[in-house]
C-alpha atoms as a PDB file:
ATOM      1  CA  MET A   1     -68.274 -38.089  -2.711  1.00  0.00           C
ATOM      2  CA  ALA A   2     -70.516 -40.374  -2.538  1.00  0.00           C
ATOM      3  CA  ARG A   3     -69.716 -43.874  -0.728  1.00  0.00           C
ATOM      4  CA  THR A   4     -70.065 -47.055  -2.557  1.00  0.00           C
ATOM      5  CA  PRO A   5     -71.009 -50.119  -0.764  1.00  0.00           C
ATOM      6  CA  ARG A   6     -67.369 -51.629  -1.515  1.00  0.00           C
ATOM      7  CA  THR A   7     -66.036 -48.185   0.325  1.00  0.00           C
ATOM      8  CA  THR A   8     -68.541 -48.704   3.125  1.00  0.00           C
ATOM      9  CA  ALA A   9     -67.474 -51.899   4.201  1.00  0.00           C
ATOM     10  CA  ARG A  10     -63.802 -50.881   4.231  1.00  0.00           C
ATOM     11  CA  LEU A  11     -64.431 -48.518   6.446  1.00  0.00           C
ATOM     12  CA  THR A  12     -66.448 -50.859   8.849  1.00  0.00           C
ATOM     13  CA  THR A  13     -63.765 -53.540   8.718  1.00  0.00           C
ATOM     14  CA  ALA A  14     -61.241 -50.567   9.233  1.00  0.00           C
ATOM     15  CA  SER A  15     -62.838 -49.350  12.445  1.00  0.00           C
ATOM     16  CA  VAL A  16     -63.375 -52.995  13.492  1.00  0.00           C
ATOM     17  CA  ALA A  17     -59.880 -53.601  13.668  1.00  0.00           C
ATOM     18  CA  VAL A  18     -59.037 -50.233  15.312  1.00  0.00           C
ATOM     19  CA  ALA A  19     -61.972 -50.840  18.015  1.00  0.00           C
ATOM     20  CA  THR A  20     -60.921 -54.828  18.862  1.00  0.00           C
ATOM     21  CA  PRO A  21     -57.748 -54.018  20.740  1.00  0.00           C
ATOM     22  CA  LEU A  22     -59.561 -51.811  22.807  1.00  0.00           C
ATOM     23  CA  LEU A  23     -62.410 -53.489  23.593  1.00  0.00           C
ATOM     24  CA  LEU A  24     -60.427 -56.833  24.907  1.00  0.00           C
ATOM     25  CA  THR A  25     -58.377 -54.588  27.155  1.00  0.00           C
ATOM     26  CA  LEU A  26     -61.678 -53.071  28.501  1.00  0.00           C
ATOM     27  CA  PHE A  27     -63.520 -56.493  28.488  1.00  0.00           C
ATOM     28  CA  ALA A  28     -60.064 -57.976  30.340  1.00  0.00           C
ATOM     29  CA  ALA A  29     -60.067 -54.979  33.011  1.00  0.00           C
ATOM     30  CA  ALA A  30     -63.863 -55.660  33.506  1.00  0.00           C
ATOM     31  CA  PRO A  31     -65.145 -56.583  37.005  1.00  0.00           C
ATOM     32  CA  ALA A  32     -66.797 -59.385  35.358  1.00  0.00           C
ATOM     33  CA  GLN A  33     -63.595 -61.010  34.306  1.00  0.00           C
ATOM     34  CA  ALA A  34     -62.495 -61.390  38.120  1.00  0.00           C
ATOM     35  CA  HIS A  35     -62.472 -64.888  40.012  1.00  0.00           C
ATOM     36  CA  GLY A  36     -61.782 -64.458  43.423  1.00  0.00           C
ATOM     37  CA  ALA A  37     -59.485 -64.644  46.542  1.00  0.00           C
ATOM     38  CA  PRO A  38     -59.049 -66.587  50.026  1.00  0.00           C
ATOM     39  CA  THR A  39     -61.614 -65.473  52.341  1.00  0.00           C
ATOM     40  CA  ASP A  40     -60.537 -68.282  55.186  1.00  0.00           C
ATOM     41  CA  PRO A  41     -57.952 -67.771  55.886  1.00  0.00           C
ATOM     42  CA  VAL A  42     -58.825 -64.540  54.648  1.00  0.00           C
ATOM     43  CA  SER A  43     -55.909 -63.174  52.474  1.00  0.00           C
ATOM     44  CA  ARG A  44     -54.708 -59.472  52.572  1.00  0.00           C
ATOM     45  CA  VAL A  45     -56.137 -58.475  49.601  1.00  0.00           C
ATOM     46  CA  PHE A  46     -59.723 -59.626  51.007  1.00  0.00           C
ATOM     47  CA  ALA A  47     -59.301 -58.395  54.365  1.00  0.00           C
ATOM     48  CA  CYS A  48     -58.176 -54.973  53.475  1.00  0.00           C
ATOM     49  CA  SER A  49     -60.947 -54.613  50.496  1.00  0.00           C
ATOM     50  CA  PRO A  50     -63.831 -52.654  51.236  1.00  0.00           C
ATOM     51  CA  ASP A  51     -65.738 -55.797  51.782  1.00  0.00           C
ATOM     52  CA  GLY A  52     -63.046 -57.045  54.291  1.00  0.00           C
ATOM     53  CA  ALA A  53     -63.502 -56.505  58.309  1.00  0.00           C
ATOM     54  CA  SER A  54     -59.920 -54.939  58.771  1.00  0.00           C
ATOM     55  CA  THR A  55     -59.903 -51.859  56.550  1.00  0.00           C
ATOM     56  CA  GLY A  56     -59.076 -49.928  59.967  1.00  0.00           C
ATOM     57  CA  THR A  57     -56.602 -51.597  61.102  1.00  0.00           C
ATOM     58  CA  ALA A  58     -52.857 -50.292  60.987  1.00  0.00           C
ATOM     59  CA  ALA A  59     -51.411 -52.824  58.413  1.00  0.00           C
ATOM     60  CA  CYS A  60     -53.974 -52.075  55.816  1.00  0.00           C
ATOM     61  CA  ARG A  61     -54.037 -48.614  56.078  1.00  0.00           C
ATOM     62  CA  ALA A  62     -50.690 -48.773  55.575  1.00  0.00           C
ATOM     63  CA  ALA A  63     -51.406 -50.662  52.874  1.00  0.00           C
ATOM     64  CA  VAL A  64     -53.988 -48.764  50.915  1.00  0.00           C
ATOM     65  CA  ALA A  65     -51.877 -45.637  51.383  1.00  0.00           C
ATOM     66  CA  ALA A  66     -48.842 -47.731  49.354  1.00  0.00           C
ATOM     67  CA  ASN A  67     -51.545 -48.395  46.966  1.00  0.00           C
ATOM     68  CA  GLY A  68     -52.996 -44.704  46.714  1.00  0.00           C
ATOM     69  CA  SER A  69     -56.305 -46.290  45.943  1.00  0.00           C
ATOM     70  CA  PRO A  70     -58.587 -49.205  47.580  1.00  0.00           C
ATOM     71  CA  PHE A  71     -58.772 -53.033  46.995  1.00  0.00           C
ATOM     72  CA  THR A  72     -61.912 -52.485  45.060  1.00  0.00           C
ATOM     73  CA  ALA A  73     -61.193 -54.872  43.001  1.00  0.00           C
ATOM     74  CA  TRP A  74     -59.772 -57.861  45.566  1.00  0.00           C
ATOM     75  CA  ASP A  75     -60.879 -60.303  43.147  1.00  0.00           C
ATOM     76  CA  ASN A  76     -58.692 -59.707  40.215  1.00  0.00           C
ATOM     77  CA  LEU A  77     -55.058 -60.553  41.190  1.00  0.00           C
ATOM     78  CA  ARG A  78     -53.756 -61.973  38.182  1.00  0.00           C
ATOM     79  CA  VAL A  79     -51.245 -62.153  35.809  1.00  0.00           C
ATOM     80  CA  ALA A  80     -51.944 -63.567  32.122  1.00  0.00           C
ATOM     81  CA  ASN A  81     -49.338 -66.357  30.747  1.00  0.00           C
ATOM     82  CA  VAL A  82     -47.247 -67.042  33.518  1.00  0.00           C
ATOM     83  CA  ASN A  83     -47.625 -71.423  32.631  1.00  0.00           C
ATOM     84  CA  GLY A  84     -46.303 -72.454  35.565  1.00  0.00           C
ATOM     85  CA  ARG A  85     -43.423 -70.058  35.520  1.00  0.00           C
ATOM     86  CA  ASP A  86     -43.957 -68.643  38.896  1.00  0.00           C
ATOM     87  CA  ARG A  87     -40.740 -68.191  40.286  1.00  0.00           C
ATOM     88  CA  GLN A  88     -39.515 -67.024  36.907  1.00  0.00           C
ATOM     89  CA  THR A  89     -42.138 -64.278  36.611  1.00  0.00           C
ATOM     90  CA  ILE A  90     -42.745 -63.025  40.044  1.00  0.00           C
ATOM     91  CA  PRO A  91     -40.072 -60.923  41.588  1.00  0.00           C
ATOM     92  CA  ASP A  92     -38.890 -61.364  45.017  1.00  0.00           C
ATOM     93  CA  GLY A  93     -40.235 -59.399  47.411  1.00  0.00           C
ATOM     94  CA  LYS A  94     -43.660 -58.951  45.135  1.00  0.00           C
ATOM     95  CA  LEU A  95     -44.892 -62.384  45.679  1.00  0.00           C
ATOM     96  CA  CYS A  96     -48.141 -60.824  47.451  1.00  0.00           C
ATOM     97  CA  SER A  97     -48.811 -58.365  44.761  1.00  0.00           C
ATOM     98  CA  GLY A  98     -48.119 -60.793  41.956  1.00  0.00           C
ATOM     99  CA  GLY A  99     -45.865 -57.778  40.571  1.00  0.00           C
ATOM    100  CA  LEU A 100     -48.941 -55.765  39.837  1.00  0.00           C
ATOM    101  CA  PRO A 101     -48.498 -51.765  40.666  1.00  0.00           C
ATOM    102  CA  ALA A 102     -52.310 -51.742  41.472  1.00  0.00           C
ATOM    103  CA  TYR A 103     -51.470 -54.112  44.601  1.00  0.00           C
ATOM    104  CA  ARG A 104     -48.443 -53.048  45.687  1.00  0.00           C
ATOM    105  CA  GLY A 105     -49.357 -52.255  49.031  1.00  0.00           C
ATOM    106  CA  LEU A 106     -49.808 -55.828  50.048  1.00  0.00           C
ATOM    107  CA  ASP A 107     -46.220 -56.710  50.123  1.00  0.00           C
ATOM    108  CA  LEU A 108     -45.187 -54.349  52.914  1.00  0.00           C
ATOM    109  CA  ALA A 109     -43.419 -56.467  55.540  1.00  0.00           C
ATOM    110  CA  ARG A 110     -45.308 -55.934  58.538  1.00  0.00           C
ATOM    111  CA  SER A 111     -46.035 -58.893  61.115  1.00  0.00           C
ATOM    112  CA  ASP A 112     -49.336 -56.952  62.341  1.00  0.00           C
ATOM    113  CA  TRP A 113     -51.149 -58.075  59.454  1.00  0.00           C
ATOM    114  CA  PRO A 114     -54.636 -59.693  59.591  1.00  0.00           C
ATOM    115  CA  THR A 115     -53.795 -63.191  60.809  1.00  0.00           C
ATOM    116  CA  THR A 116     -56.443 -66.489  61.026  1.00  0.00           C
ATOM    117  CA  ARG A 117     -54.883 -69.071  63.982  1.00  0.00           C
ATOM    118  CA  LEU A 118     -54.145 -72.591  62.864  1.00  0.00           C
ATOM    119  CA  SER A 119     -52.714 -75.521  64.607  1.00  0.00           C
ATOM    120  CA  PRO A 120     -50.264 -77.524  63.286  1.00  0.00           C
ATOM    121  CA  GLY A 121     -50.915 -81.091  61.159  1.00  0.00           C
ATOM    122  CA  ALA A 122     -54.290 -80.046  61.501  1.00  0.00           C
ATOM    123  CA  SER A 123     -56.915 -80.153  58.971  1.00  0.00           C
ATOM    124  CA  LEU A 124     -58.090 -77.216  57.007  1.00  0.00           C
ATOM    125  CA  THR A 125     -60.614 -76.106  54.716  1.00  0.00           C
ATOM    126  CA  MET A 126     -59.566 -73.104  52.722  1.00  0.00           C
ATOM    127  CA  LYS A 127     -62.804 -70.989  51.629  1.00  0.00           C
ATOM    128  CA  TYR A 128     -61.908 -69.339  48.299  1.00  0.00           C
ATOM    129  CA  ALA A 129     -64.123 -67.091  47.436  1.00  0.00           C
ATOM    130  CA  SER A 130     -64.599 -66.133  43.394  1.00  0.00           C
ATOM    131  CA  THR A 131     -67.318 -64.774  40.789  1.00  0.00           C
ATOM    132  CA  ILE A 132     -67.254 -66.905  37.894  1.00  0.00           C
ATOM    133  CA  PRO A 133     -66.255 -70.749  37.837  1.00  0.00           C
ATOM    134  CA  HIS A 134     -63.227 -71.786  36.318  1.00  0.00           C
ATOM    135  CA  THR A 135     -60.960 -74.938  35.853  1.00  0.00           C
ATOM    136  CA  GLY A 136     -57.263 -74.795  37.482  1.00  0.00           C
ATOM    137  CA  THR A 137     -55.052 -76.041  40.068  1.00  0.00           C
ATOM    138  CA  PHE A 138     -54.807 -74.976  43.393  1.00  0.00           C
ATOM    139  CA  ARG A 139     -51.255 -75.242  44.775  1.00  0.00           C
ATOM    140  CA  MET A 140     -50.783 -74.600  48.507  1.00  0.00           C
ATOM    141  CA  TYR A 141     -47.124 -73.369  49.622  1.00  0.00           C
ATOM    142  CA  LEU A 142     -46.545 -72.234  53.701  1.00  0.00           C
ATOM    143  CA  THR A 143     -43.538 -70.497  54.772  1.00  0.00           C
ATOM    144  CA  GLU A 144     -40.468 -72.607  56.269  1.00  0.00           C
ATOM    145  CA  PRO A 145     -39.682 -72.228  59.458  1.00  0.00           C
ATOM    146  CA  GLY A 146     -38.024 -69.094  60.757  1.00  0.00           C
ATOM    147  CA  TYR A 147     -39.598 -67.210  59.020  1.00  0.00           C
ATOM    148  CA  ASP A 148     -39.539 -63.177  59.697  1.00  0.00           C
ATOM    149  CA  PRO A 149     -42.020 -61.143  58.785  1.00  0.00           C
ATOM    150  CA  SER A 150     -40.437 -57.931  59.017  1.00  0.00           C
ATOM    151  CA  LYS A 151     -38.666 -59.029  55.433  1.00  0.00           C
ATOM    152  CA  PRO A 152     -40.360 -59.062  52.641  1.00  0.00           C
ATOM    153  CA  LEU A 153     -41.296 -62.378  51.216  1.00  0.00           C
ATOM    154  CA  LYS A 154     -39.402 -64.269  49.002  1.00  0.00           C
ATOM    155  CA  TRP A 155     -39.424 -67.325  47.059  1.00  0.00           C
ATOM    156  CA  SER A 156     -36.798 -68.668  49.372  1.00  0.00           C
ATOM    157  CA  ASP A 157     -39.044 -68.495  52.507  1.00  0.00           C
ATOM    158  CA  LEU A 158     -41.052 -71.016  50.843  1.00  0.00           C
ATOM    159  CA  PRO A 159     -40.388 -74.834  49.785  1.00  0.00           C
ATOM    160  CA  GLU A 160     -40.086 -75.969  46.132  1.00  0.00           C
ATOM    161  CA  GLN A 161     -43.253 -77.972  46.262  1.00  0.00           C
ATOM    162  CA  PRO A 162     -46.431 -77.076  47.729  1.00  0.00           C
ATOM    163  CA  PHE A 163     -47.694 -78.878  51.005  1.00  0.00           C
ATOM    164  CA  ALA A 164     -51.217 -79.467  49.248  1.00  0.00           C
ATOM    165  CA  GLN A 165     -52.993 -79.411  45.770  1.00  0.00           C
ATOM    166  CA  VAL A 166     -55.917 -79.361  44.561  1.00  0.00           C
ATOM    167  CA  LYS A 167     -57.182 -79.830  40.725  1.00  0.00           C
ATOM    168  CA  ASP A 168     -60.446 -78.716  39.600  1.00  0.00           C
ATOM    169  CA  PRO A 169     -62.791 -78.166  42.370  1.00  0.00           C
ATOM    170  CA  ALA A 170     -66.296 -77.486  42.557  1.00  0.00           C
ATOM    171  CA  LEU A 171     -67.678 -74.038  43.280  1.00  0.00           C
ATOM    172  CA  THR A 172     -70.231 -73.787  45.483  1.00  0.00           C
ATOM    173  CA  ASN A 173     -72.483 -71.176  46.993  1.00  0.00           C
ATOM    174  CA  GLY A 174     -69.858 -68.442  45.879  1.00  0.00           C
ATOM    175  CA  ALA A 175     -66.687 -70.301  46.609  1.00  0.00           C
ATOM    176  CA  TYR A 176     -64.388 -73.086  46.217  1.00  0.00           C
ATOM    177  CA  ARG A 177     -63.775 -75.203  49.153  1.00  0.00           C
ATOM    178  CA  ILE A 178     -60.196 -76.690  49.625  1.00  0.00           C
ATOM    179  CA  ARG A 179     -59.444 -79.336  51.877  1.00  0.00           C
ATOM    180  CA  MET A 180     -55.873 -79.725  52.820  1.00  0.00           C
ATOM    181  CA  THR A 181     -53.698 -81.270  56.212  1.00  0.00           C
ATOM    182  CA  LEU A 182     -51.199 -78.731  57.039  1.00  0.00           C
ATOM    183  CA  PRO A 183     -47.671 -79.060  58.186  1.00  0.00           C
ATOM    184  CA  LYS A 184     -46.795 -80.593  61.676  1.00  0.00           C
ATOM    185  CA  ASP A 185     -43.411 -78.592  61.898  1.00  0.00           C
ATOM    186  CA  ARG A 186     -44.551 -74.323  61.815  1.00  0.00           C
ATOM    187  CA  THR A 187     -44.903 -72.375  65.074  1.00  0.00           C
ATOM    188  CA  GLY A 188     -45.438 -68.806  65.064  1.00  0.00           C
ATOM    189  CA  PRO A 189     -46.195 -66.262  62.303  1.00  0.00           C
ATOM    190  CA  GLN A 190     -46.257 -67.811  59.023  1.00  0.00           C
ATOM    191  CA  VAL A 191     -47.873 -67.260  55.633  1.00  0.00           C
ATOM    192  CA  LEU A 192     -49.958 -69.312  53.367  1.00  0.00           C
ATOM    193  CA  TYR A 193     -49.291 -68.766  50.078  1.00  0.00           C
ATOM    194  CA  THR A 194     -51.926 -69.565  47.440  1.00  0.00           C
ATOM    195  CA  ILE A 195     -51.750 -69.849  43.730  1.00  0.00           C
ATOM    196  CA  TRP A 196     -54.520 -70.726  41.129  1.00  0.00           C
ATOM    197  CA  GLN A 197     -53.579 -71.609  37.768  1.00  0.00           C
ATOM    198  CA  ASN A 198     -56.242 -71.608  35.797  1.00  0.00           C
ATOM    199  CA  THR A 199     -56.935 -73.844  32.846  1.00  0.00           C
ATOM    200  CA  SER A 200     -60.154 -72.228  30.856  1.00  0.00           C
ATOM    201  CA  THR A 201     -58.142 -69.096  30.869  1.00  0.00           C
ATOM    202  CA  ALA A 202     -54.582 -67.670  30.277  1.00  0.00           C
ATOM    203  CA  ASP A 203     -54.325 -66.464  34.124  1.00  0.00           C
ATOM    204  CA  THR A 204     -52.895 -67.121  37.051  1.00  0.00           C
ATOM    205  CA  TYR A 205     -53.761 -65.791  40.330  1.00  0.00           C
ATOM    206  CA  TYR A 206     -51.761 -64.706  43.796  1.00  0.00           C
ATOM    207  CA  SER A 207     -52.457 -64.760  47.088  1.00  0.00           C
ATOM    208  CA  CYS A 208     -51.043 -64.180  51.000  1.00  0.00           C
ATOM    209  CA  SER A 209     -53.028 -65.358  53.950  1.00  0.00           C
ATOM    210  CA  ASP A 210     -51.161 -64.570  57.294  1.00  0.00           C
ATOM    211  CA  VAL A 211     -51.421 -67.068  59.799  1.00  0.00           C
ATOM    212  CA  VAL A 212     -50.074 -68.233  63.256  1.00  0.00           C
ATOM    213  CA  PHE A 213     -49.767 -71.335  64.709  1.00  0.00           C
ATOM    214  CA  PRO A 214     -49.288 -71.972  68.671  1.00  0.00           C
ATOM    215  CA  ALA A 215     -45.371 -72.184  70.118  1.00  0.00           C
ATOM    216  CA  ALA A 216     -43.781 -75.565  70.269  1.00  0.00           C
ATOM    217  CA  ALA A 217     -45.566 -77.956  73.098  1.00  0.00           C
ATOM    218  CA  GLY A 218     -43.298 -78.287  75.714  1.00  0.00           C
ATOM    219  CA  LYS A 219     -40.291 -75.571  75.141  1.00  0.00           C
ATOM    220  CA  GLY A 220     -38.597 -74.710  77.365  1.00  0.00           C
ATOM    221  CA  GLY A 221     -39.281 -78.158  79.557  1.00  0.00           C
ATOM    222  CA  THR A 222     -38.497 -81.770  79.256  1.00  0.00           C
ATOM    223  CA  ASP A 223     -38.719 -83.219  75.988  1.00  0.00           C
ATOM    224  CA  ALA A 224     -39.595 -86.193  75.253  1.00  0.00           C
ATOM    225  CA  GLY A 225     -35.915 -87.987  74.938  1.00  0.00           C
ATOM    226  CA  SER A 226     -35.042 -87.497  78.151  1.00  0.00           C
ATOM    227  CA  ALA A 227     -37.185 -90.165  79.153  1.00  0.00           C
ATOM    228  CA  THR A 228     -34.833 -92.644  78.215  1.00  0.00           C
ATOM    229  CA  SER A 229     -31.976 -91.365  80.023  1.00  0.00           C
ATOM    230  CA  PRO A 230     -33.382 -89.500  83.290  1.00  0.00           C
ATOM    231  CA  THR A 231     -31.992 -87.178  85.519  1.00  0.00           C
ATOM    232  CA  PRO A 232     -32.009 -87.739  89.115  1.00  0.00           C
ATOM    233  CA  SER A 233     -33.918 -85.555  91.162  1.00  0.00           C
ATOM    234  CA  LYS A 234     -32.602 -83.705  93.986  1.00  0.00           C
ATOM    235  CA  ALA A 235     -34.716 -86.097  96.408  1.00  0.00           C
ATOM    236  CA  ALA A 236     -33.272 -89.213  94.955  1.00  0.00           C
ATOM    237  CA  LYS A 237     -29.794 -87.572  95.213  1.00  0.00           C
ATOM    238  CA  LYS A 238     -30.384 -86.799  98.679  1.00  0.00           C
ATOM    239  CA  ASP A 239     -32.095 -90.452  99.407  1.00  0.00           C
ATOM    240  CA  ALA A 240     -28.897 -91.494  97.378  1.00  0.00           C
ATOM    241  CA  GLY A 241     -26.559 -89.467  99.737  1.00  0.00           C
ATOM    242  CA  LYS A 242     -28.064 -90.981 103.200  1.00  0.00           C
ATOM    243  CA  LYS A 243     -27.378 -94.765 101.941  1.00  0.00           C
ATOM    244  CA  GLU A 244     -23.886 -93.519 100.920  1.00  0.00           C
ATOM    245  CA  SER A 245     -23.405 -92.396 104.669  1.00  0.00           C
ATOM    246  CA  GLY A 246     -24.917 -95.257 106.168  1.00  0.00           C
ATOM    247  CA  LYS A 247     -23.090 -97.728 104.126  1.00  0.00           C
ATOM    248  CA  SER A 248     -19.966 -95.867 105.288  1.00  0.00           C
ATOM    249  CA  ALA A 249     -20.866 -95.782 108.805  1.00  0.00           C
ATOM    250  CA  THR A 250     -21.550 -99.663 109.276  1.00  0.00           C
ATOM    251  CA  PRO A 251     -18.764-101.829 108.498  1.00  0.00           C
ATOM    252  CA  SER A 252     -19.082-104.653 106.350  1.00  0.00           C
ATOM    253  CA  ALA A 253     -19.057-108.417 106.984  1.00  0.00           C
ATOM    254  CA  PRO A 254     -15.222-109.837 105.823  1.00  0.00           C
ATOM    255  CA  ALA A 255     -16.327-111.782 102.289  1.00  0.00           C
ATOM    256  CA  ALA A 256     -13.891-114.738 103.584  1.00  0.00           C
ATOM    257  CA  THR A 257     -16.439-115.496 106.585  1.00  0.00           C
ATOM    258  CA  PRO A 258     -19.989-116.043 105.460  1.00  0.00           C
ATOM    259  CA  THR A 259     -22.698-114.830 108.482  1.00  0.00           C
ATOM    260  CA  PRO A 260     -25.371-117.203 108.864  1.00  0.00           C
ATOM    261  CA  ALA A 261     -28.426-116.156 108.873  1.00  0.00           C
ATOM    262  CA  SER A 262     -29.716-116.339 112.360  1.00  0.00           C
ATOM    263  CA  SER A 263     -26.940-113.738 113.006  1.00  0.00           C
ATOM    264  CA  VAL A 264     -27.772-112.023 110.142  1.00  0.00           C
ATOM    265  CA  ALA A 265     -31.345-111.275 111.654  1.00  0.00           C
ATOM    266  CA  ARG A 266     -29.988-110.474 115.305  1.00  0.00           C
ATOM    267  CA  SER A 267     -27.430-108.038 113.605  1.00  0.00           C
ATOM    268  CA  ALA A 268     -30.521-106.834 112.067  1.00  0.00           C
ATOM    269  CA  ASP A 269     -32.353-106.152 115.149  1.00  0.00           C
ATOM    270  CA  ALA A 270     -29.401-104.576 117.181  1.00  0.00           C
ATOM    271  CA  ALA A 271     -29.046-102.578 113.933  1.00  0.00           C
ATOM    272  CA  ASP A 272     -32.589-101.173 114.491  1.00  0.00           C
ATOM    273  CA  PRO A 273     -33.126 -98.300 117.220  1.00  0.00           C
ATOM    274  CA  ASP A 274     -36.077 -99.313 117.731  1.00  0.00           C
ATOM    275  CA  SER A 275     -35.439-102.522 118.433  1.00  0.00           C
ATOM    276  CA  THR A 276     -32.549-101.801 121.184  1.00  0.00           C
ATOM    277  CA  PRO A 277     -33.078-101.227 124.712  1.00  0.00           C
ATOM    278  CA  VAL A 278     -31.931 -98.359 126.121  1.00  0.00           C
ATOM    279  CA  ALA A 279     -30.884 -98.463 129.751  1.00  0.00           C
ATOM    280  CA  ALA A 280     -31.834 -95.549 130.814  1.00  0.00           C
ATOM    281  CA  ASP A 281     -35.802 -96.158 129.545  1.00  0.00           C
ATOM    282  CA  ALA A 282     -35.920 -99.737 131.131  1.00  0.00           C
ATOM    283  CA  GLU A 283     -38.768 -99.743 133.543  1.00  0.00           C
ATOM    284  CA  PRO A 284     -38.858-100.466 137.741  1.00  0.00           C
ATOM    285  CA  GLY A 285     -39.127-104.191 138.397  1.00  0.00           C
ATOM    286  CA  SER A 286     -38.662-105.332 134.428  1.00  0.00           C
ATOM    287  CA  GLY A 287     -35.995-107.456 136.026  1.00  0.00           C
ATOM    288  CA  PRO A 288     -32.285-107.049 136.789  1.00  0.00           C
ATOM    289  CA  SER A 289     -29.664-106.711 134.344  1.00  0.00           C
ATOM    290  CA  ALA A 290     -26.808-109.330 134.214  1.00  0.00           C
ATOM    291  CA  PRO A 291     -24.642-107.393 136.915  1.00  0.00           C
ATOM    292  CA  MET A 292     -26.763-108.037 139.561  1.00  0.00           C
ATOM    293  CA  MET A 293     -28.026-111.412 138.852  1.00  0.00           C
ATOM    294  CA  ALA A 294     -24.386-112.255 139.193  1.00  0.00           C
ATOM    295  CA  GLY A 295     -23.485-110.344 142.225  1.00  0.00           C
ATOM    296  CA  GLY A 296     -27.023-111.426 143.878  1.00  0.00           C
ATOM    297  CA  ALA A 297     -25.309-115.119 143.212  1.00  0.00           C
ATOM    298  CA  ALA A 298     -22.033-114.636 144.683  1.00  0.00           C
ATOM    299  CA  ALA A 299     -23.867-113.138 148.125  1.00  0.00           C
ATOM    300  CA  VAL A 300     -26.168-116.520 148.606  1.00  0.00           C
ATOM    301  CA  LEU A 301     -23.329-118.457 148.041  1.00  0.00           C
ATOM    302  CA  VAL A 302     -21.411-116.362 151.024  1.00  0.00           C
ATOM    303  CA  LEU A 303     -24.081-116.712 153.247  1.00  0.00           C
ATOM    304  CA  THR A 304     -24.417-120.348 152.588  1.00  0.00           C
ATOM    305  CA  GLY A 305     -21.301-121.375 153.293  1.00  0.00           C
ATOM    306  CA  GLY A 306     -21.151-119.070 156.358  1.00  0.00           C
ATOM    307  CA  ALA A 307     -24.502-120.901 158.036  1.00  0.00           C
ATOM    308  CA  ALA A 308     -22.422-124.354 157.312  1.00  0.00           C
ATOM    309  CA  LEU A 309     -19.468-123.730 159.046  1.00  0.00           C
ATOM    310  CA  ALA A 310     -21.405-121.949 162.325  1.00  0.00           C
ATOM    311  CA  LEU A 311     -23.025-125.655 162.417  1.00  0.00           C
ATOM    312  CA  ARG A 312     -19.784-127.476 162.218  1.00  0.00           C
ATOM    313  CA  LEU A 313     -18.701-125.528 165.096  1.00  0.00           C
ATOM    314  CA  ARG A 314     -21.784-125.949 167.198  1.00  0.00           C
ATOM    315  CA  ARG A 315     -21.356-129.869 167.086  1.00  0.00           C
ATOM    316  CA  ARG A 316     -17.437-129.388 168.210  1.00  0.00           C
END
C-alpha cells in the first residue's frame, strides 16, 4: 500500500507523541540535569561518592551497601513538585535521601558519618557545588539541642524555621557560597540540613551534612552566675573559724562602760604577744623588777633608822 503525504504526516505525529514522554524521562534523568550538593561542610552524599574522600569509611561502605550502588550521581538528589511542602512530602526517617530509594543508604542512623567541626555562633560560608546555575532559595536548618545521631533523622529534630535563608546566590567557580551565622546553643554532633528549592525548575534538593560542635565551655565547673553568690573557700572558712575562736577567747568590754582610747591602745599592746615581756626572757642587768625595788627601799629605811639610834646612844 502506497503512503500518501497525509498518511506519512499522521505516522510522524503519532511517533513524536509516543516518543516525547520517553525522551523527557531520559532528559530528566540525564547527568546534565543534575545540580549539586554541599561539599563544605561536606554532605553525606558527596563524602561517600566516588568524587568524595570518605568512600573507605565504615559509614560510607554501609551506605553504599544499603543502596546497592555507589553515589555516582551525588548532585542529583532532587524531588519534583514539592513546592515548599517539604514536611508533608518527605517522610520521617528519610530526610537525608529525600525519600528516594536510590539514596536510601544516606538515612542510616550512625554516629560515624564524615563530619565537619564547627564553632557555635561563628560565621560559616557553605560551599554548595553545582553543575548548572539556577535561581532558588536555600534554607538551612540545624538539629535541635539534644539531637541523637543513633536514631533516624525526623522533622521533629529540626526547628520549624531555618536559622539562615539565602535567595538566588551567585554561582562562582562551580559553587554557590552561602554565608550564615550558626546558632550559639549547639554542642556535640548535629546535622546541618539544607533545602534548595528551585524557582527556575520544579525541583527541590535535600542534603545532610554531619557537623560537630565542641562541648559547652565550663561544663562541670563554676558558671558565671555563681559570681553573684560565691561559695566560701576552705581557707576562708578556716580564717573565719580562727576569728570566731579568738572572739570567744577574748572577753569584750561591757557596752555600758566605754573604754578610753589610751586604754584601748594599752590593751592592744598587752594583747600582742610580741609586745608582752616574758620574765624568763629578761636579760641580766636589764633593770630590777618592782618587788626587788620595794625590798631594797625597805632595807635602806631599816639601815638609816639603825644608824640614827646609834648616834643618839653615843651622845648620852
